[in-house]
């Protein structure tokens, strides 16, 4: 198994708040890490560091992943595109890949919403479109921030099974505040402390 993501003695302070100090982490292909803790503990900052969106104050972050797939806490859908077009955007963004984009929308139980724009979707539906887009990107490292937020219990369990099945050979860093999600998703658990 090859390492997809490595943090070596990483420290980060935002404003006057210390988020990480000399933090080490190693994620290899097939690893699942669930990062837990209440709001404000630095979970999303950890994901943003992993994605390369912010830089640490000190230490090193190494990514050997060829394809990183990210789902942010907010769905971040393109408002001028339909649900189907939002998923297709990470494929080729051409008509030829629309059937594959539809396959992913169907996988998250949203085939009937393919032609709807983000403003026409409920919060849970938008979250599932974002999840379909992340899975369609076919990463070898998945960074998922509260991907099941806003879903009822049955749908959440179904989406957890889908993500586990589709990411079994990838490294996954999943952020949640929900202990049930952590238990159902499995893998190692890291609890962020103040």
N, C-alpha and C. Protein backbone atom coordinates (compact mmCIF):
# COMPACT_ATOMS: atom_id res chain seq x y z
N UNK A 1 0.85 -1.20 0.00
CA UNK A 1 0.00 0.00 0.00
C UNK A 1 0.88 1.24 0.00
N UNK A 2 0.53 2.19 -0.85
CA UNK A 2 1.32 3.41 -0.90
C UNK A 2 0.64 4.51 -0.10
N UNK A 3 1.48 5.38 0.48
CA UNK A 3 0.95 6.51 1.25
C UNK A 3 0.37 7.53 0.29
N UNK A 4 -0.87 7.93 0.55
CA UNK A 4 -1.54 8.94 -0.26
C UNK A 4 -1.40 10.33 0.35
N UNK A 5 -1.35 10.37 1.70
CA UNK A 5 -1.31 11.65 2.40
C UNK A 5 -0.49 11.48 3.67
N UNK A 6 0.47 12.39 3.86
CA UNK A 6 1.30 12.35 5.06
C UNK A 6 1.43 13.75 5.63
N UNK A 7 1.16 13.89 6.93
CA UNK A 7 1.43 15.12 7.67
C UNK A 7 2.63 14.83 8.56
N UNK A 8 3.64 15.67 8.50
CA UNK A 8 4.82 15.51 9.36
C UNK A 8 5.00 16.76 10.20
N UNK A 9 4.79 16.63 11.51
CA UNK A 9 4.97 17.73 12.46
C UNK A 9 4.29 19.03 12.01
N UNK A 10 3.05 18.91 11.60
CA UNK A 10 2.31 20.05 11.06
C UNK A 10 1.71 20.88 12.20
N UNK A 11 1.92 22.19 12.12
CA UNK A 11 1.32 23.13 13.07
C UNK A 11 0.54 24.18 12.29
N UNK A 12 -0.58 24.60 12.86
CA UNK A 12 -1.40 25.62 12.21
C UNK A 12 -2.09 26.44 13.29
N UNK A 13 -1.99 27.77 13.15
CA UNK A 13 -2.72 28.69 14.01
C UNK A 13 -3.53 29.61 13.11
N UNK A 14 -4.80 29.78 13.42
CA UNK A 14 -5.66 30.70 12.68
C UNK A 14 -6.11 31.78 13.65
N UNK A 15 -5.73 33.03 13.36
CA UNK A 15 -6.01 34.12 14.31
C UNK A 15 -5.23 33.84 15.58
N UNK A 16 -5.93 33.80 16.71
CA UNK A 16 -5.25 33.49 17.97
C UNK A 16 -5.55 32.06 18.43
N UNK A 17 -6.07 31.24 17.51
CA UNK A 17 -6.48 29.89 17.87
C UNK A 17 -5.52 28.86 17.29
N UNK A 18 -4.89 28.09 18.17
CA UNK A 18 -4.01 27.02 17.72
C UNK A 18 -4.88 25.82 17.29
N UNK A 19 -4.75 25.43 16.03
CA UNK A 19 -5.55 24.33 15.49
C UNK A 19 -4.79 23.02 15.62
N UNK A 20 -3.54 23.00 15.18
CA UNK A 20 -2.69 21.80 15.25
C UNK A 20 -1.31 22.18 15.75
N UNK A 21 -0.69 21.25 16.50
CA UNK A 21 0.69 21.44 16.93
C UNK A 21 1.45 20.12 16.76
N UNK A 22 2.48 20.16 15.92
CA UNK A 22 3.32 18.97 15.67
C UNK A 22 2.48 17.73 15.36
N UNK A 23 1.53 17.90 14.47
CA UNK A 23 0.56 16.86 14.13
C UNK A 23 1.11 15.94 13.04
N UNK A 24 1.05 14.63 13.30
CA UNK A 24 1.48 13.62 12.33
C UNK A 24 0.28 12.79 11.89
N UNK A 25 0.28 12.44 10.61
CA UNK A 25 -0.80 11.62 10.05
C UNK A 25 -0.27 10.91 8.82
N UNK A 26 -0.69 9.66 8.64
CA UNK A 26 -0.31 8.92 7.44
C UNK A 26 -1.54 8.16 6.97
N UNK A 27 -1.95 8.41 5.72
CA UNK A 27 -3.09 7.71 5.12
C UNK A 27 -2.59 6.99 3.88
N UNK A 28 -2.83 5.69 3.82
CA UNK A 28 -2.43 4.87 2.68
C UNK A 28 -3.66 4.40 1.92
N UNK A 29 -3.46 3.88 0.74
CA UNK A 29 -4.57 3.30 -0.05
C UNK A 29 -5.32 2.31 0.81
N UNK A 30 -6.65 2.41 0.80
CA UNK A 30 -7.49 1.50 1.57
C UNK A 30 -7.76 1.95 2.99
N UNK A 31 -7.04 2.96 3.48
CA UNK A 31 -7.26 3.46 4.85
C UNK A 31 -8.49 4.35 4.89
N UNK A 32 -9.22 4.26 6.01
CA UNK A 32 -10.34 5.15 6.29
C UNK A 32 -10.08 5.81 7.63
N UNK A 33 -10.08 7.15 7.62
CA UNK A 33 -9.91 7.89 8.86
C UNK A 33 -11.11 8.80 9.03
N UNK A 34 -11.80 8.65 10.16
CA UNK A 34 -12.94 9.51 10.49
C UNK A 34 -12.45 10.51 11.53
N UNK A 35 -12.56 11.79 11.20
CA UNK A 35 -12.17 12.87 12.12
C UNK A 35 -13.44 13.40 12.76
N UNK A 36 -13.48 13.32 14.10
CA UNK A 36 -14.69 13.71 14.84
C UNK A 36 -14.40 14.86 15.78
N UNK A 37 -15.49 15.44 16.24
CA UNK A 37 -15.40 16.50 17.23
C UNK A 37 -16.46 17.55 16.96
N UNK A 38 -16.80 18.33 17.99
CA UNK A 38 -17.80 19.38 17.81
C UNK A 38 -17.27 20.49 16.91
N UNK A 39 -18.15 21.40 16.54
CA UNK A 39 -17.78 22.54 15.69
C UNK A 39 -16.69 23.36 16.35
N UNK A 40 -15.83 23.92 15.50
CA UNK A 40 -14.80 24.83 15.99
C UNK A 40 -13.54 24.16 16.48
N UNK A 41 -13.39 22.87 16.25
CA UNK A 41 -12.20 22.16 16.75
C UNK A 41 -11.12 21.99 15.69
N UNK A 42 -11.37 22.46 14.46
CA UNK A 42 -10.32 22.40 13.45
C UNK A 42 -10.46 21.28 12.43
N UNK A 43 -11.62 20.61 12.43
CA UNK A 43 -11.81 19.49 11.49
C UNK A 43 -11.73 19.96 10.03
N UNK A 44 -12.45 21.03 9.72
CA UNK A 44 -12.45 21.53 8.35
C UNK A 44 -11.09 22.11 7.98
N UNK A 45 -10.40 22.73 8.94
CA UNK A 45 -9.04 23.24 8.67
C UNK A 45 -8.11 22.08 8.32
N UNK A 46 -8.26 20.96 9.00
CA UNK A 46 -7.46 19.77 8.70
C UNK A 46 -7.72 19.32 7.26
N UNK A 47 -8.98 19.30 6.85
CA UNK A 47 -9.32 18.92 5.48
C UNK A 47 -8.75 19.91 4.48
N UNK A 48 -8.83 21.19 4.78
CA UNK A 48 -8.31 22.20 3.87
C UNK A 48 -6.78 22.10 3.74
N UNK A 49 -6.11 21.77 4.83
CA UNK A 49 -4.67 21.50 4.76
C UNK A 49 -4.39 20.30 3.86
N UNK A 50 -5.16 19.24 4.07
CA UNK A 50 -4.98 18.01 3.29
C UNK A 50 -5.19 18.26 1.80
N UNK A 51 -6.13 19.14 1.47
CA UNK A 51 -6.44 19.44 0.07
C UNK A 51 -5.45 20.44 -0.54
N UNK A 52 -4.63 21.06 0.30
CA UNK A 52 -3.68 22.05 -0.20
C UNK A 52 -4.29 23.42 -0.36
N UNK A 53 -5.44 23.66 0.26
CA UNK A 53 -6.11 24.96 0.13
C UNK A 53 -5.55 26.00 1.09
N UNK A 54 -4.95 25.53 2.19
CA UNK A 54 -4.22 26.43 3.10
C UNK A 54 -2.88 25.76 3.40
N UNK A 55 -1.92 26.57 3.81
CA UNK A 55 -0.58 26.07 4.11
C UNK A 55 -0.37 26.04 5.62
N UNK A 56 0.38 25.05 6.11
CA UNK A 56 0.65 25.01 7.55
C UNK A 56 1.67 26.09 7.93
N UNK A 57 1.69 26.45 9.21
CA UNK A 57 2.71 27.38 9.71
C UNK A 57 4.07 26.71 9.72
N UNK A 58 4.08 25.41 10.01
CA UNK A 58 5.33 24.64 9.99
C UNK A 58 5.00 23.18 9.75
N UNK A 59 6.01 22.41 9.41
CA UNK A 59 5.83 21.00 9.10
C UNK A 59 5.63 20.79 7.62
N UNK A 60 5.47 19.52 7.25
CA UNK A 60 5.33 19.16 5.84
C UNK A 60 4.06 18.35 5.61
N UNK A 61 3.43 18.59 4.47
CA UNK A 61 2.29 17.78 4.03
C UNK A 61 2.66 17.22 2.67
N UNK A 62 2.67 15.90 2.57
CA UNK A 62 3.04 15.22 1.32
C UNK A 62 1.82 14.52 0.77
N UNK A 63 1.56 14.73 -0.50
CA UNK A 63 0.46 14.06 -1.19
C UNK A 63 1.04 13.29 -2.36
N UNK A 64 0.88 11.98 -2.36
CA UNK A 64 1.34 11.20 -3.52
C UNK A 64 0.15 10.79 -4.37
N UNK A 65 -1.00 11.32 -4.02
CA UNK A 65 -2.23 11.01 -4.75
C UNK A 65 -2.22 11.69 -6.11
N UNK A 66 -2.63 10.94 -7.12
CA UNK A 66 -2.75 11.51 -8.46
C UNK A 66 -4.07 12.26 -8.60
N UNK A 67 -5.11 11.76 -7.92
CA UNK A 67 -6.44 12.37 -8.04
C UNK A 67 -7.06 12.53 -6.66
N UNK A 68 -7.25 13.78 -6.26
CA UNK A 68 -7.89 14.07 -4.98
C UNK A 68 -9.33 14.48 -5.26
N UNK A 69 -10.25 13.84 -4.57
CA UNK A 69 -11.67 14.14 -4.71
C UNK A 69 -12.16 14.75 -3.41
N UNK A 70 -12.72 15.96 -3.49
CA UNK A 70 -13.11 16.69 -2.28
C UNK A 70 -14.61 16.97 -2.30
N UNK A 71 -15.25 16.74 -1.16
CA UNK A 71 -16.62 17.21 -0.95
C UNK A 71 -16.59 18.12 0.26
N UNK A 72 -16.93 19.38 0.04
CA UNK A 72 -16.94 20.36 1.12
C UNK A 72 -18.22 20.25 1.93
N UNK A 73 -18.22 20.90 3.10
CA UNK A 73 -19.40 20.89 3.97
C UNK A 73 -20.61 21.51 3.27
N UNK A 74 -20.38 22.59 2.51
CA UNK A 74 -21.45 23.17 1.70
C UNK A 74 -21.35 22.50 0.34
N UNK A 75 -22.46 22.24 -0.33
CA UNK A 75 -22.42 21.51 -1.60
C UNK A 75 -21.59 22.18 -2.71
N UNK A 76 -21.52 23.51 -2.71
CA UNK A 76 -20.74 24.24 -3.72
C UNK A 76 -21.05 23.83 -5.15
N UNK A 77 -22.34 23.77 -5.44
CA UNK A 77 -22.78 23.45 -6.80
C UNK A 77 -22.77 24.71 -7.65
N UNK A 78 -22.55 24.55 -8.94
CA UNK A 78 -22.58 25.67 -9.87
C UNK A 78 -24.05 26.03 -10.12
N UNK A 79 -24.49 27.23 -9.72
CA UNK A 79 -25.91 27.54 -9.75
C UNK A 79 -26.52 27.61 -11.16
N UNK A 80 -25.70 27.82 -12.17
CA UNK A 80 -26.20 27.94 -13.54
C UNK A 80 -26.23 26.59 -14.27
N UNK A 81 -25.90 25.52 -13.54
CA UNK A 81 -25.91 24.19 -14.13
C UNK A 81 -26.90 23.29 -13.42
N UNK A 82 -27.48 22.36 -14.15
CA UNK A 82 -28.41 21.39 -13.56
C UNK A 82 -27.62 20.42 -12.68
N UNK A 83 -28.35 19.61 -11.93
CA UNK A 83 -27.71 18.58 -11.11
C UNK A 83 -26.84 17.67 -11.99
N UNK A 84 -27.39 17.24 -13.11
CA UNK A 84 -26.63 16.38 -14.03
C UNK A 84 -25.38 17.08 -14.55
N UNK A 85 -25.49 18.33 -14.92
CA UNK A 85 -24.34 19.09 -15.44
C UNK A 85 -23.29 19.32 -14.35
N UNK A 86 -23.72 19.48 -13.10
CA UNK A 86 -22.78 19.64 -11.99
C UNK A 86 -21.93 18.39 -11.83
N UNK A 87 -22.55 17.22 -11.93
CA UNK A 87 -21.79 15.97 -11.82
C UNK A 87 -20.89 15.79 -13.04
N UNK A 88 -21.42 16.09 -14.21
CA UNK A 88 -20.66 15.93 -15.46
C UNK A 88 -19.45 16.85 -15.53
N UNK A 89 -19.48 17.94 -14.77
CA UNK A 89 -18.38 18.92 -14.79
C UNK A 89 -17.05 18.29 -14.39
N UNK A 90 -17.06 17.26 -13.54
CA UNK A 90 -15.80 16.62 -13.13
C UNK A 90 -15.41 15.47 -14.05
N UNK A 91 -16.29 15.13 -14.95
CA UNK A 91 -15.97 14.11 -15.95
C UNK A 91 -15.33 14.86 -17.12
N UNK A 92 -15.82 14.73 -18.30
CA UNK A 92 -15.22 15.49 -19.41
C UNK A 92 -15.92 16.82 -19.65
N UNK A 93 -17.10 16.97 -19.05
CA UNK A 93 -17.96 18.14 -19.27
C UNK A 93 -18.47 18.17 -20.72
N UNK A 94 -18.47 17.00 -21.36
CA UNK A 94 -18.98 16.88 -22.73
C UNK A 94 -20.19 15.98 -22.73
N UNK A 95 -20.96 16.03 -23.81
CA UNK A 95 -22.19 15.23 -23.89
C UNK A 95 -21.91 13.73 -23.76
N UNK A 96 -20.74 13.29 -24.22
CA UNK A 96 -20.43 11.85 -24.19
C UNK A 96 -20.42 11.27 -22.78
N UNK A 97 -20.13 12.09 -21.78
CA UNK A 97 -20.05 11.56 -20.41
C UNK A 97 -21.33 11.77 -19.61
N UNK A 98 -22.36 12.35 -20.23
CA UNK A 98 -23.63 12.53 -19.52
C UNK A 98 -24.22 11.21 -19.00
N UNK A 99 -24.13 10.09 -19.75
CA UNK A 99 -24.65 8.83 -19.20
C UNK A 99 -23.93 8.40 -17.92
N UNK A 100 -22.62 8.63 -17.85
CA UNK A 100 -21.89 8.29 -16.63
C UNK A 100 -22.31 9.20 -15.48
N UNK A 101 -22.50 10.48 -15.78
CA UNK A 101 -22.97 11.42 -14.75
C UNK A 101 -24.34 10.99 -14.24
N UNK A 102 -25.19 10.55 -15.15
CA UNK A 102 -26.53 10.06 -14.75
C UNK A 102 -26.42 8.82 -13.88
N UNK A 103 -25.46 7.95 -14.18
CA UNK A 103 -25.24 6.76 -13.36
C UNK A 103 -24.96 7.17 -11.90
N UNK A 104 -24.13 8.22 -11.73
CA UNK A 104 -23.80 8.66 -10.37
C UNK A 104 -25.00 9.33 -9.69
N UNK A 105 -25.78 10.10 -10.44
CA UNK A 105 -26.99 10.69 -9.85
C UNK A 105 -27.96 9.59 -9.43
N UNK A 106 -28.08 8.55 -10.24
CA UNK A 106 -28.95 7.42 -9.89
C UNK A 106 -28.44 6.74 -8.63
N UNK A 107 -27.12 6.62 -8.51
CA UNK A 107 -26.52 5.95 -7.33
C UNK A 107 -26.87 6.68 -6.03
N UNK A 108 -27.04 8.01 -6.11
CA UNK A 108 -27.41 8.77 -4.91
C UNK A 108 -28.92 9.05 -4.86
N UNK A 109 -29.67 8.29 -5.67
CA UNK A 109 -31.14 8.35 -5.67
C UNK A 109 -31.69 9.70 -6.14
N UNK A 110 -31.07 10.28 -7.17
CA UNK A 110 -31.52 11.59 -7.65
C UNK A 110 -31.70 11.64 -9.16
N UNK A 111 -31.95 10.50 -9.79
CA UNK A 111 -32.14 10.50 -11.25
C UNK A 111 -33.27 11.44 -11.66
N UNK A 112 -34.32 11.50 -10.84
CA UNK A 112 -35.48 12.33 -11.20
C UNK A 112 -35.18 13.83 -11.07
N UNK A 113 -34.07 14.18 -10.42
CA UNK A 113 -33.72 15.59 -10.23
C UNK A 113 -32.63 16.05 -11.20
N UNK A 114 -32.33 15.23 -12.20
CA UNK A 114 -31.21 15.52 -13.12
C UNK A 114 -31.31 16.90 -13.76
N UNK A 115 -32.52 17.35 -14.10
CA UNK A 115 -32.69 18.61 -14.81
C UNK A 115 -32.98 19.80 -13.89
N UNK A 116 -32.90 19.57 -12.59
CA UNK A 116 -33.16 20.66 -11.65
C UNK A 116 -31.87 21.45 -11.39
N UNK A 117 -32.06 22.74 -11.16
CA UNK A 117 -30.94 23.61 -10.82
C UNK A 117 -30.77 23.62 -9.29
N UNK A 118 -29.57 23.94 -8.79
CA UNK A 118 -29.34 23.91 -7.34
C UNK A 118 -30.39 24.65 -6.51
N UNK A 119 -30.90 25.78 -7.01
CA UNK A 119 -31.92 26.53 -6.25
C UNK A 119 -33.22 25.75 -6.09
N UNK A 120 -33.42 24.73 -6.93
CA UNK A 120 -34.65 23.92 -6.86
C UNK A 120 -34.48 22.68 -5.99
N UNK A 121 -33.29 22.48 -5.45
CA UNK A 121 -33.00 21.28 -4.65
C UNK A 121 -33.08 21.59 -3.17
N UNK A 122 -33.52 20.60 -2.39
CA UNK A 122 -33.46 20.75 -0.93
C UNK A 122 -31.99 20.65 -0.51
N UNK A 123 -31.71 20.98 0.74
CA UNK A 123 -30.33 20.88 1.25
C UNK A 123 -29.77 19.47 1.14
N UNK A 124 -30.59 18.48 1.51
CA UNK A 124 -30.14 17.08 1.43
C UNK A 124 -29.91 16.64 -0.01
N UNK A 125 -30.75 17.11 -0.93
CA UNK A 125 -30.57 16.76 -2.35
C UNK A 125 -29.28 17.38 -2.89
N UNK A 126 -29.04 18.65 -2.55
CA UNK A 126 -27.82 19.31 -3.01
C UNK A 126 -26.59 18.60 -2.46
N UNK A 127 -26.68 18.14 -1.21
CA UNK A 127 -25.57 17.40 -0.58
C UNK A 127 -25.30 16.11 -1.35
N UNK A 128 -26.36 15.43 -1.79
CA UNK A 128 -26.18 14.19 -2.55
C UNK A 128 -25.63 14.44 -3.95
N UNK A 129 -26.00 15.56 -4.57
CA UNK A 129 -25.41 15.90 -5.87
C UNK A 129 -23.91 16.11 -5.70
N UNK A 130 -23.54 16.81 -4.62
CA UNK A 130 -22.12 17.04 -4.35
C UNK A 130 -21.40 15.72 -4.09
N UNK A 131 -22.07 14.79 -3.41
CA UNK A 131 -21.48 13.47 -3.17
C UNK A 131 -21.32 12.71 -4.48
N UNK A 132 -22.33 12.75 -5.34
CA UNK A 132 -22.24 12.10 -6.65
C UNK A 132 -21.07 12.67 -7.45
N UNK A 133 -20.90 13.97 -7.39
CA UNK A 133 -19.79 14.63 -8.10
C UNK A 133 -18.44 14.17 -7.55
N UNK A 134 -18.33 14.08 -6.22
CA UNK A 134 -17.07 13.64 -5.61
C UNK A 134 -16.74 12.21 -6.02
N UNK A 135 -17.75 11.33 -6.02
CA UNK A 135 -17.53 9.94 -6.40
C UNK A 135 -17.23 9.81 -7.89
N UNK A 136 -17.87 10.61 -8.71
CA UNK A 136 -17.64 10.57 -10.16
C UNK A 136 -16.22 10.96 -10.50
N UNK A 137 -15.62 11.81 -9.68
CA UNK A 137 -14.24 12.26 -9.93
C UNK A 137 -13.24 11.11 -9.82
N UNK A 138 -13.64 10.03 -9.13
CA UNK A 138 -12.83 8.81 -9.07
C UNK A 138 -11.43 9.07 -8.54
N UNK A 139 -11.36 9.58 -7.32
CA UNK A 139 -10.07 9.89 -6.72
C UNK A 139 -9.39 8.66 -6.13
N UNK A 140 -8.11 8.83 -5.82
CA UNK A 140 -7.44 7.81 -5.01
C UNK A 140 -7.26 8.32 -3.58
N UNK A 141 -7.64 9.58 -3.36
CA UNK A 141 -7.72 10.17 -2.03
C UNK A 141 -9.02 10.97 -1.96
N UNK A 142 -9.89 10.62 -1.02
CA UNK A 142 -11.17 11.31 -0.85
C UNK A 142 -11.13 12.11 0.45
N UNK A 143 -11.47 13.39 0.35
CA UNK A 143 -11.57 14.28 1.50
C UNK A 143 -13.02 14.72 1.59
N UNK A 144 -13.76 14.19 2.55
CA UNK A 144 -15.21 14.38 2.63
C UNK A 144 -15.58 15.07 3.94
N UNK A 145 -16.15 16.26 3.84
CA UNK A 145 -16.50 17.05 5.01
C UNK A 145 -18.01 17.01 5.22
N UNK A 146 -18.45 16.27 6.22
CA UNK A 146 -19.88 16.12 6.56
C UNK A 146 -20.70 15.73 5.32
N UNK A 147 -20.31 14.67 4.60
CA UNK A 147 -20.99 14.34 3.34
C UNK A 147 -22.43 13.85 3.50
N UNK A 148 -22.82 13.44 4.72
CA UNK A 148 -24.15 12.87 4.92
C UNK A 148 -25.06 13.81 5.71
N UNK A 149 -24.63 15.04 5.89
CA UNK A 149 -25.41 16.02 6.65
C UNK A 149 -26.74 16.29 5.95
N UNK A 150 -27.80 16.35 6.73
CA UNK A 150 -29.12 16.69 6.18
C UNK A 150 -29.87 15.50 5.60
N UNK A 151 -29.33 14.29 5.76
CA UNK A 151 -30.01 13.10 5.22
C UNK A 151 -30.71 12.36 6.35
N UNK A 152 -31.89 11.80 6.04
CA UNK A 152 -32.57 11.01 7.07
C UNK A 152 -31.80 9.71 7.29
N UNK A 153 -32.13 8.98 8.35
CA UNK A 153 -31.35 7.82 8.77
C UNK A 153 -31.21 6.77 7.67
N UNK A 154 -32.31 6.39 7.04
CA UNK A 154 -32.26 5.34 6.02
C UNK A 154 -31.41 5.76 4.83
N UNK A 155 -31.59 6.99 4.38
CA UNK A 155 -30.83 7.48 3.23
C UNK A 155 -29.35 7.63 3.59
N UNK A 156 -29.09 8.11 4.80
CA UNK A 156 -27.71 8.25 5.26
C UNK A 156 -27.00 6.90 5.25
N UNK A 157 -27.67 5.87 5.77
CA UNK A 157 -27.07 4.53 5.80
C UNK A 157 -26.78 4.03 4.39
N UNK A 158 -27.70 4.31 3.47
CA UNK A 158 -27.51 3.89 2.08
C UNK A 158 -26.33 4.62 1.44
N UNK A 159 -26.19 5.91 1.73
CA UNK A 159 -25.08 6.69 1.16
C UNK A 159 -23.74 6.27 1.77
N UNK A 160 -23.74 5.91 3.05
CA UNK A 160 -22.52 5.41 3.69
C UNK A 160 -22.08 4.11 3.01
N UNK A 161 -23.04 3.21 2.76
CA UNK A 161 -22.70 1.95 2.06
C UNK A 161 -22.13 2.24 0.67
N UNK A 162 -22.73 3.19 -0.04
CA UNK A 162 -22.27 3.55 -1.37
C UNK A 162 -20.83 4.07 -1.32
N UNK A 163 -20.56 5.01 -0.43
CA UNK A 163 -19.22 5.59 -0.34
C UNK A 163 -18.20 4.51 0.04
N UNK A 164 -18.53 3.66 0.98
CA UNK A 164 -17.61 2.59 1.37
C UNK A 164 -17.30 1.67 0.19
N UNK A 165 -18.32 1.32 -0.59
CA UNK A 165 -18.13 0.42 -1.73
C UNK A 165 -17.30 1.08 -2.82
N UNK A 166 -17.53 2.36 -3.07
CA UNK A 166 -16.86 3.04 -4.19
C UNK A 166 -15.46 3.52 -3.86
N UNK A 167 -15.10 3.53 -2.57
CA UNK A 167 -13.78 4.06 -2.19
C UNK A 167 -12.89 3.01 -1.54
N UNK A 168 -13.22 1.71 -1.69
CA UNK A 168 -12.47 0.71 -0.92
C UNK A 168 -10.99 0.65 -1.23
N UNK A 169 -10.56 1.02 -2.43
CA UNK A 169 -9.13 0.98 -2.77
C UNK A 169 -8.46 2.35 -2.62
N UNK A 170 -9.20 3.34 -2.19
CA UNK A 170 -8.68 4.70 -2.04
C UNK A 170 -8.43 4.98 -0.55
N UNK A 171 -7.74 6.08 -0.28
CA UNK A 171 -7.61 6.58 1.09
C UNK A 171 -8.75 7.58 1.31
N UNK A 172 -9.39 7.50 2.48
CA UNK A 172 -10.53 8.37 2.76
C UNK A 172 -10.33 9.07 4.10
N UNK A 173 -10.46 10.40 4.08
CA UNK A 173 -10.51 11.19 5.30
C UNK A 173 -11.91 11.79 5.35
N UNK A 174 -12.69 11.35 6.31
CA UNK A 174 -14.09 11.77 6.42
C UNK A 174 -14.28 12.55 7.71
N UNK A 175 -14.90 13.71 7.61
CA UNK A 175 -15.14 14.56 8.78
C UNK A 175 -16.61 14.48 9.16
N UNK A 176 -16.85 14.31 10.46
CA UNK A 176 -18.22 14.29 10.96
C UNK A 176 -18.22 14.71 12.43
N UNK A 177 -19.36 15.17 12.89
CA UNK A 177 -19.54 15.41 14.32
C UNK A 177 -20.46 14.33 14.90
N UNK A 178 -20.93 13.42 14.04
CA UNK A 178 -21.94 12.44 14.41
C UNK A 178 -21.31 11.07 14.72
N UNK A 179 -21.35 10.62 15.98
CA UNK A 179 -20.76 9.33 16.34
C UNK A 179 -21.37 8.15 15.57
N UNK A 180 -22.67 8.25 15.24
CA UNK A 180 -23.31 7.16 14.47
C UNK A 180 -22.68 7.02 13.09
N UNK A 181 -22.43 8.16 12.44
CA UNK A 181 -21.79 8.14 11.12
C UNK A 181 -20.40 7.51 11.25
N UNK A 182 -19.66 7.92 12.27
CA UNK A 182 -18.31 7.38 12.47
C UNK A 182 -18.35 5.87 12.65
N UNK A 183 -19.30 5.40 13.45
CA UNK A 183 -19.41 3.96 13.70
C UNK A 183 -19.80 3.22 12.42
N UNK A 184 -20.76 3.74 11.69
CA UNK A 184 -21.22 3.06 10.47
C UNK A 184 -20.17 3.09 9.37
N UNK A 185 -19.40 4.18 9.30
CA UNK A 185 -18.40 4.28 8.23
C UNK A 185 -17.21 3.37 8.51
N UNK A 186 -16.86 3.23 9.78
CA UNK A 186 -15.75 2.34 10.13
C UNK A 186 -14.40 3.00 9.92
N UNK A 187 -13.36 2.23 10.16
CA UNK A 187 -12.00 2.75 10.04
C UNK A 187 -11.51 3.31 11.34
N UNK A 188 -10.40 4.03 11.29
CA UNK A 188 -9.82 4.66 12.47
C UNK A 188 -10.57 5.94 12.78
N UNK A 189 -10.60 6.30 14.05
CA UNK A 189 -11.26 7.53 14.48
C UNK A 189 -10.24 8.43 15.16
N UNK A 190 -10.23 9.70 14.73
CA UNK A 190 -9.40 10.72 15.36
C UNK A 190 -10.34 11.75 15.94
N UNK A 191 -10.27 11.94 17.25
CA UNK A 191 -11.15 12.92 17.88
C UNK A 191 -10.36 14.20 18.12
N UNK A 192 -10.82 15.29 17.50
CA UNK A 192 -10.14 16.59 17.65
C UNK A 192 -10.46 17.15 19.03
N UNK A 193 -9.43 17.51 19.76
CA UNK A 193 -9.57 18.07 21.10
C UNK A 193 -9.34 19.58 21.05
N UNK A 194 -9.90 20.32 22.01
CA UNK A 194 -9.65 21.77 22.02
C UNK A 194 -8.18 22.07 22.31
